Amino acid sequence: MKRIVNTNIRFDLSREDDRQAYESLRCMDRTKFKSYTRAVVAALNDFFSRQEKMQTDPFLETREKEDRFLAKVLDTIKDGIGQGMSTIQFTTIPAVPVQTEAKPDDSGTDQENFEIAEAFLKDKGL
Protein backbone atom coordinates (compact mmCIF):
# COMPACT_ATOMS: atom_id res chain seq x y z
CA MET A 1 0.00 0.00 0.00
CA LYS A 2 1.35 3.44 -0.98
CA ARG A 3 1.68 6.10 1.68
CA ILE A 4 1.76 9.50 0.02
CA VAL A 5 2.37 12.72 1.90
CA ASN A 6 1.64 16.04 0.24
CA THR A 7 3.50 19.22 1.17
CA ASN A 8 3.88 22.66 -0.35
CA ILE A 9 7.07 24.56 -1.08
CA ARG A 10 7.05 28.35 -1.23
CA PHE A 11 9.69 30.32 -3.08
CA ASP A 12 10.23 33.98 -2.20
CA LEU A 13 11.59 35.23 -5.52
CA SER A 14 12.97 38.36 -3.87
CA ARG A 15 15.52 36.12 -2.09
CA GLU A 16 18.41 35.03 -4.31
CA ASP A 17 18.68 31.47 -2.98
CA ASP A 18 14.91 30.90 -3.36
CA ARG A 19 15.00 32.32 -6.88
CA GLN A 20 17.93 30.05 -7.82
CA ALA A 21 16.16 26.98 -6.43
CA TYR A 22 12.97 27.82 -8.31
CA GLU A 23 14.88 28.41 -11.56
CA SER A 24 16.70 25.11 -11.12
CA LEU A 25 13.39 23.28 -10.79
CA ARG A 26 11.80 25.19 -13.64
CA CYS A 27 14.70 24.52 -16.04
CA MET A 28 15.57 20.99 -14.91
CA ASP A 29 16.35 18.27 -17.41
CA ARG A 30 13.03 16.43 -17.86
CA THR A 31 14.82 13.37 -19.21
CA LYS A 32 16.69 13.03 -15.92
CA PHE A 33 13.88 14.04 -13.54
CA LYS A 34 10.33 13.22 -14.55
CA SER A 35 8.75 15.57 -11.99
CA TYR A 36 9.48 18.25 -9.41
CA THR A 37 8.98 15.57 -6.77
CA ARG A 38 11.77 13.36 -8.19
CA ALA A 39 14.14 16.35 -8.41
CA VAL A 40 13.37 17.53 -4.86
CA VAL A 41 13.73 14.00 -3.45
CA ALA A 42 17.11 13.56 -5.17
CA ALA A 43 18.33 16.98 -4.01
CA LEU A 44 17.24 16.47 -0.40
CA ASN A 45 18.72 12.98 -0.19
CA ASP A 46 22.00 14.17 -1.69
CA PHE A 47 22.17 17.19 0.59
CA PHE A 48 21.51 15.33 3.84
CA SER A 49 23.72 12.40 2.88
CA ARG A 50 26.56 14.83 2.20
CA GLN A 51 25.98 16.58 5.54
CA GLU A 52 26.34 13.25 7.35
CA LYS A 53 29.53 12.41 5.43
CA MET A 54 30.98 15.85 6.24
CA GLN A 55 30.36 15.31 9.97
CA THR A 56 32.23 11.99 9.96
CA ASP A 57 34.92 13.12 7.50
CA PRO A 58 35.74 16.84 7.77
CA PHE A 59 38.34 16.59 4.96
CA LEU A 60 35.90 15.15 2.42
CA GLU A 61 35.40 18.47 0.63
CA THR A 62 39.15 19.15 0.44
CA ARG A 63 39.84 15.72 -1.06
CA GLU A 64 37.03 16.18 -3.58
CA LYS A 65 38.49 19.52 -4.63
CA GLU A 66 41.94 17.93 -4.97
CA ASP A 67 40.48 15.08 -7.03
CA ARG A 68 38.74 17.53 -9.36
CA PHE A 69 41.95 19.57 -9.68
CA LEU A 70 44.04 16.47 -10.47
CA ALA A 71 41.47 15.32 -13.01
CA LYS A 72 41.70 18.72 -14.73
CA VAL A 73 45.51 18.55 -14.73
CA LEU A 74 45.47 15.06 -16.24
CA ASP A 75 42.93 16.09 -18.88
CA THR A 76 45.07 19.12 -19.76
CA ILE A 77 48.19 16.97 -20.06
CA LYS A 78 46.36 14.42 -22.23
CA ASP A 79 45.03 17.19 -24.47
CA GLY A 80 48.49 18.74 -24.72
CA ILE A 81 50.10 15.44 -25.61
CA GLY A 82 47.41 14.77 -28.20
CA GLN A 83 47.88 18.19 -29.77
CA GLY A 84 51.65 17.90 -29.58
CA MET A 85 51.66 14.54 -31.31
CA SER A 86 49.57 15.92 -34.15
CA THR A 87 52.07 18.73 -34.78
CA ILE A 88 55.26 16.68 -34.58
CA GLN A 89 56.81 16.27 -37.98
CA PHE A 90 58.88 13.18 -38.34
CA THR A 91 61.94 13.64 -40.48
CA THR A 92 64.01 10.97 -42.06
CA ILE A 93 67.74 11.03 -42.27
CA PRO A 94 68.98 10.10 -45.70
CA ALA A 95 70.83 6.83 -45.73
CA VAL A 96 74.56 7.09 -46.15
CA PRO A 97 76.01 4.39 -48.37
CA VAL A 98 78.54 2.22 -46.59
CA GLN A 99 81.71 1.58 -48.49
CA THR A 100 83.15 -1.86 -48.05
CA GLU A 101 86.29 -1.23 -50.01
CA ALA A 102 88.59 1.73 -49.62
CA LYS A 103 88.51 3.86 -52.73
CA PRO A 104 90.78 6.72 -53.50
CA ASP A 105 89.17 10.08 -52.69
CA ASP A 106 89.57 12.63 -55.44
CA SER A 107 87.54 15.41 -53.78
CA GLY A 108 90.36 16.86 -51.72
CA THR A 109 93.01 16.15 -49.14
CA ASP A 110 92.37 14.42 -45.87
CA GLN A 111 93.08 17.70 -44.04
CA GLU A 112 90.39 19.54 -46.05
CA ASN A 113 87.87 16.78 -45.38
CA PHE A 114 88.71 16.87 -41.68
CA GLU A 115 88.19 20.65 -41.53
CA ILE A 116 84.83 20.38 -43.31
CA ALA A 117 83.70 17.66 -40.91
CA GLU A 118 84.91 19.64 -37.89
CA ALA A 119 83.06 22.78 -39.06
CA PHE A 120 79.90 20.74 -39.57
CA LEU A 121 80.08 19.31 -36.07
CA LYS A 122 80.68 22.76 -34.56
CA ASP A 123 77.63 24.15 -36.41
CA LYS A 124 75.53 21.34 -34.96
CA GLY A 125 76.86 22.00 -31.45
CA LEU A 126 78.57 18.61 -31.24
C-alpha atoms as a PDB file:
ATOM      1  CA  MET A   1       0.000   0.000   0.000  1.00  0.00           C
ATOM      2  CA  LYS A   2       1.354   3.441  -0.976  1.00  0.00           C
ATOM      3  CA  ARG A   3       1.683   6.100   1.676  1.00  0.00           C
ATOM      4  CA  ILE A   4       1.762   9.498   0.020  1.00  0.00           C
ATOM      5  CA  VAL A   5       2.368  12.723   1.895  1.00  0.00           C
ATOM      6  CA  ASN A   6       1.636  16.039   0.243  1.00  0.00           C
ATOM      7  CA  THR A   7       3.498  19.218   1.174  1.00  0.00           C
ATOM      8  CA  ASN A   8       3.875  22.663  -0.350  1.00  0.00           C
ATOM      9  CA  ILE A   9       7.072  24.560  -1.083  1.00  0.00           C
ATOM     10  CA  ARG A  10       7.053  28.347  -1.233  1.00  0.00           C
ATOM     11  CA  PHE A  11       9.695  30.319  -3.078  1.00  0.00           C
ATOM     12  CA  ASP A  12      10.233  33.975  -2.199  1.00  0.00           C
ATOM     13  CA  LEU A  13      11.589  35.235  -5.517  1.00  0.00           C
ATOM     14  CA  SER A  14      12.967  38.361  -3.869  1.00  0.00           C
ATOM     15  CA  ARG A  15      15.522  36.119  -2.092  1.00  0.00           C
ATOM     16  CA  GLU A  16      18.410  35.032  -4.311  1.00  0.00           C
ATOM     17  CA  ASP A  17      18.682  31.473  -2.978  1.00  0.00           C
ATOM     18  CA  ASP A  18      14.912  30.899  -3.360  1.00  0.00           C
ATOM     19  CA  ARG A  19      14.996  32.320  -6.881  1.00  0.00           C
ATOM     20  CA  GLN A  20      17.927  30.051  -7.825  1.00  0.00           C
ATOM     21  CA  ALA A  21      16.157  26.981  -6.433  1.00  0.00           C
ATOM     22  CA  TYR A  22      12.971  27.824  -8.308  1.00  0.00           C
ATOM     23  CA  GLU A  23      14.885  28.413 -11.562  1.00  0.00           C
ATOM     24  CA  SER A  24      16.700  25.106 -11.119  1.00  0.00           C
ATOM     25  CA  LEU A  25      13.390  23.282 -10.792  1.00  0.00           C
ATOM     26  CA  ARG A  26      11.798  25.186 -13.643  1.00  0.00           C
ATOM     27  CA  CYS A  27      14.698  24.516 -16.036  1.00  0.00           C
ATOM     28  CA  MET A  28      15.570  20.988 -14.914  1.00  0.00           C
ATOM     29  CA  ASP A  29      16.346  18.270 -17.411  1.00  0.00           C
ATOM     30  CA  ARG A  30      13.034  16.428 -17.859  1.00  0.00           C
ATOM     31  CA  THR A  31      14.816  13.373 -19.208  1.00  0.00           C
ATOM     32  CA  LYS A  32      16.693  13.031 -15.917  1.00  0.00           C
ATOM     33  CA  PHE A  33      13.878  14.035 -13.545  1.00  0.00           C
ATOM     34  CA  LYS A  34      10.328  13.223 -14.549  1.00  0.00           C
ATOM     35  CA  SER A  35       8.749  15.567 -11.987  1.00  0.00           C
ATOM     36  CA  TYR A  36       9.476  18.246  -9.414  1.00  0.00           C
ATOM     37  CA  THR A  37       8.982  15.566  -6.765  1.00  0.00           C
ATOM     38  CA  ARG A  38      11.771  13.363  -8.187  1.00  0.00           C
ATOM     39  CA  ALA A  39      14.143  16.350  -8.405  1.00  0.00           C
ATOM     40  CA  VAL A  40      13.370  17.535  -4.859  1.00  0.00           C
ATOM     41  CA  VAL A  41      13.730  14.001  -3.453  1.00  0.00           C
ATOM     42  CA  ALA A  42      17.114  13.557  -5.172  1.00  0.00           C
ATOM     43  CA  ALA A  43      18.327  16.980  -4.006  1.00  0.00           C
ATOM     44  CA  LEU A  44      17.237  16.471  -0.398  1.00  0.00           C
ATOM     45  CA  ASN A  45      18.716  12.983  -0.187  1.00  0.00           C
ATOM     46  CA  ASP A  46      21.996  14.166  -1.692  1.00  0.00           C
ATOM     47  CA  PHE A  47      22.172  17.192   0.593  1.00  0.00           C
ATOM     48  CA  PHE A  48      21.509  15.333   3.844  1.00  0.00           C
ATOM     49  CA  SER A  49      23.717  12.401   2.875  1.00  0.00           C
ATOM     50  CA  ARG A  50      26.557  14.832   2.196  1.00  0.00           C
ATOM     51  CA  GLN A  51      25.978  16.583   5.541  1.00  0.00           C
ATOM     52  CA  GLU A  52      26.339  13.251   7.348  1.00  0.00           C
ATOM     53  CA  LYS A  53      29.529  12.415   5.432  1.00  0.00           C
ATOM     54  CA  MET A  54      30.979  15.845   6.244  1.00  0.00           C
ATOM     55  CA  GLN A  55      30.356  15.308   9.974  1.00  0.00           C
ATOM     56  CA  THR A  56      32.229  11.989   9.962  1.00  0.00           C
ATOM     57  CA  ASP A  57      34.924  13.117   7.498  1.00  0.00           C
ATOM     58  CA  PRO A  58      35.745  16.843   7.770  1.00  0.00           C
ATOM     59  CA  PHE A  59      38.336  16.590   4.955  1.00  0.00           C
ATOM     60  CA  LEU A  60      35.902  15.152   2.417  1.00  0.00           C
ATOM     61  CA  GLU A  61      35.397  18.474   0.626  1.00  0.00           C
ATOM     62  CA  THR A  62      39.148  19.147   0.437  1.00  0.00           C
ATOM     63  CA  ARG A  63      39.837  15.717  -1.065  1.00  0.00           C
ATOM     64  CA  GLU A  64      37.026  16.181  -3.580  1.00  0.00           C
ATOM     65  CA  LYS A  65      38.493  19.523  -4.632  1.00  0.00           C
ATOM     66  CA  GLU A  66      41.939  17.926  -4.966  1.00  0.00           C
ATOM     67  CA  ASP A  67      40.478  15.075  -7.025  1.00  0.00           C
ATOM     68  CA  ARG A  68      38.736  17.531  -9.364  1.00  0.00           C
ATOM     69  CA  PHE A  69      41.951  19.570  -9.676  1.00  0.00           C
ATOM     70  CA  LEU A  70      44.036  16.470 -10.469  1.00  0.00           C
ATOM     71  CA  ALA A  71      41.468  15.324 -13.012  1.00  0.00           C
ATOM     72  CA  LYS A  72      41.701  18.724 -14.734  1.00  0.00           C
ATOM     73  CA  VAL A  73      45.512  18.554 -14.729  1.00  0.00           C
ATOM     74  CA  LEU A  74      45.468  15.062 -16.238  1.00  0.00           C
ATOM     75  CA  ASP A  75      42.934  16.091 -18.883  1.00  0.00           C
ATOM     76  CA  THR A  76      45.068  19.122 -19.757  1.00  0.00           C
ATOM     77  CA  ILE A  77      48.187  16.967 -20.060  1.00  0.00           C
ATOM     78  CA  LYS A  78      46.360  14.416 -22.227  1.00  0.00           C
ATOM     79  CA  ASP A  79      45.026  17.185 -24.473  1.00  0.00           C
ATOM     80  CA  GLY A  80      48.486  18.741 -24.715  1.00  0.00           C
ATOM     81  CA  ILE A  81      50.097  15.444 -25.608  1.00  0.00           C
ATOM     82  CA  GLY A  82      47.413  14.769 -28.199  1.00  0.00           C
ATOM     83  CA  GLN A  83      47.876  18.193 -29.774  1.00  0.00           C
ATOM     84  CA  GLY A  84      51.652  17.895 -29.581  1.00  0.00           C
ATOM     85  CA  MET A  85      51.663  14.545 -31.305  1.00  0.00           C
ATOM     86  CA  SER A  86      49.571  15.917 -34.147  1.00  0.00           C
ATOM     87  CA  THR A  87      52.068  18.734 -34.776  1.00  0.00           C
ATOM     88  CA  ILE A  88      55.257  16.683 -34.584  1.00  0.00           C
ATOM     89  CA  GLN A  89      56.807  16.268 -37.978  1.00  0.00           C
ATOM     90  CA  PHE A  90      58.880  13.184 -38.341  1.00  0.00           C
ATOM     91  CA  THR A  91      61.937  13.642 -40.481  1.00  0.00           C
ATOM     92  CA  THR A  92      64.013  10.969 -42.065  1.00  0.00           C
ATOM     93  CA  ILE A  93      67.739  11.028 -42.266  1.00  0.00           C
ATOM     94  CA  PRO A  94      68.983  10.105 -45.698  1.00  0.00           C
ATOM     95  CA  ALA A  95      70.828   6.825 -45.731  1.00  0.00           C
ATOM     96  CA  VAL A  96      74.558   7.089 -46.148  1.00  0.00           C
ATOM     97  CA  PRO A  97      76.009   4.391 -48.370  1.00  0.00           C
ATOM     98  CA  VAL A  98      78.543   2.218 -46.586  1.00  0.00           C
ATOM     99  CA  GLN A  99      81.712   1.583 -48.492  1.00  0.00           C
ATOM    100  CA  THR A 100      83.152  -1.860 -48.052  1.00  0.00           C
ATOM    101  CA  GLU A 101      86.294  -1.225 -50.014  1.00  0.00           C
ATOM    102  CA  ALA A 102      88.593   1.726 -49.622  1.00  0.00           C
ATOM    103  CA  LYS A 103      88.505   3.856 -52.729  1.00  0.00           C
ATOM    104  CA  PRO A 104      90.775   6.718 -53.500  1.00  0.00           C
ATOM    105  CA  ASP A 105      89.167  10.081 -52.693  1.00  0.00           C
ATOM    106  CA  ASP A 106      89.572  12.635 -55.441  1.00  0.00           C
ATOM    107  CA  SER A 107      87.539  15.405 -53.781  1.00  0.00           C
ATOM    108  CA  GLY A 108      90.365  16.860 -51.720  1.00  0.00           C
ATOM    109  CA  THR A 109      93.009  16.151 -49.137  1.00  0.00           C
ATOM    110  CA  ASP A 110      92.370  14.425 -45.866  1.00  0.00           C
ATOM    111  CA  GLN A 111      93.076  17.697 -44.045  1.00  0.00           C
ATOM    112  CA  GLU A 112      90.393  19.545 -46.050  1.00  0.00           C
ATOM    113  CA  ASN A 113      87.867  16.775 -45.379  1.00  0.00           C
ATOM    114  CA  PHE A 114      88.709  16.870 -41.676  1.00  0.00           C
ATOM    115  CA  GLU A 115      88.187  20.649 -41.532  1.00  0.00           C
ATOM    116  CA  ILE A 116      84.833  20.380 -43.306  1.00  0.00           C
ATOM    117  CA  ALA A 117      83.697  17.657 -40.913  1.00  0.00           C
ATOM    118  CA  GLU A 118      84.915  19.644 -37.894  1.00  0.00           C
ATOM    119  CA  ALA A 119      83.059  22.783 -39.059  1.00  0.00           C
ATOM    120  CA  PHE A 120      79.897  20.744 -39.573  1.00  0.00           C
ATOM    121  CA  LEU A 121      80.079  19.309 -36.071  1.00  0.00           C
ATOM    122  CA  LYS A 122      80.678  22.756 -34.564  1.00  0.00           C
ATOM    123  CA  ASP A 123      77.631  24.150 -36.409  1.00  0.00           C
ATOM    124  CA  LYS A 124      75.532  21.335 -34.964  1.00  0.00           C
ATOM    125  CA  GLY A 125      76.861  21.996 -31.455  1.00  0.00           C
ATOM    126  CA  LEU A 126      78.570  18.605 -31.237  1.00  0.00           C
END
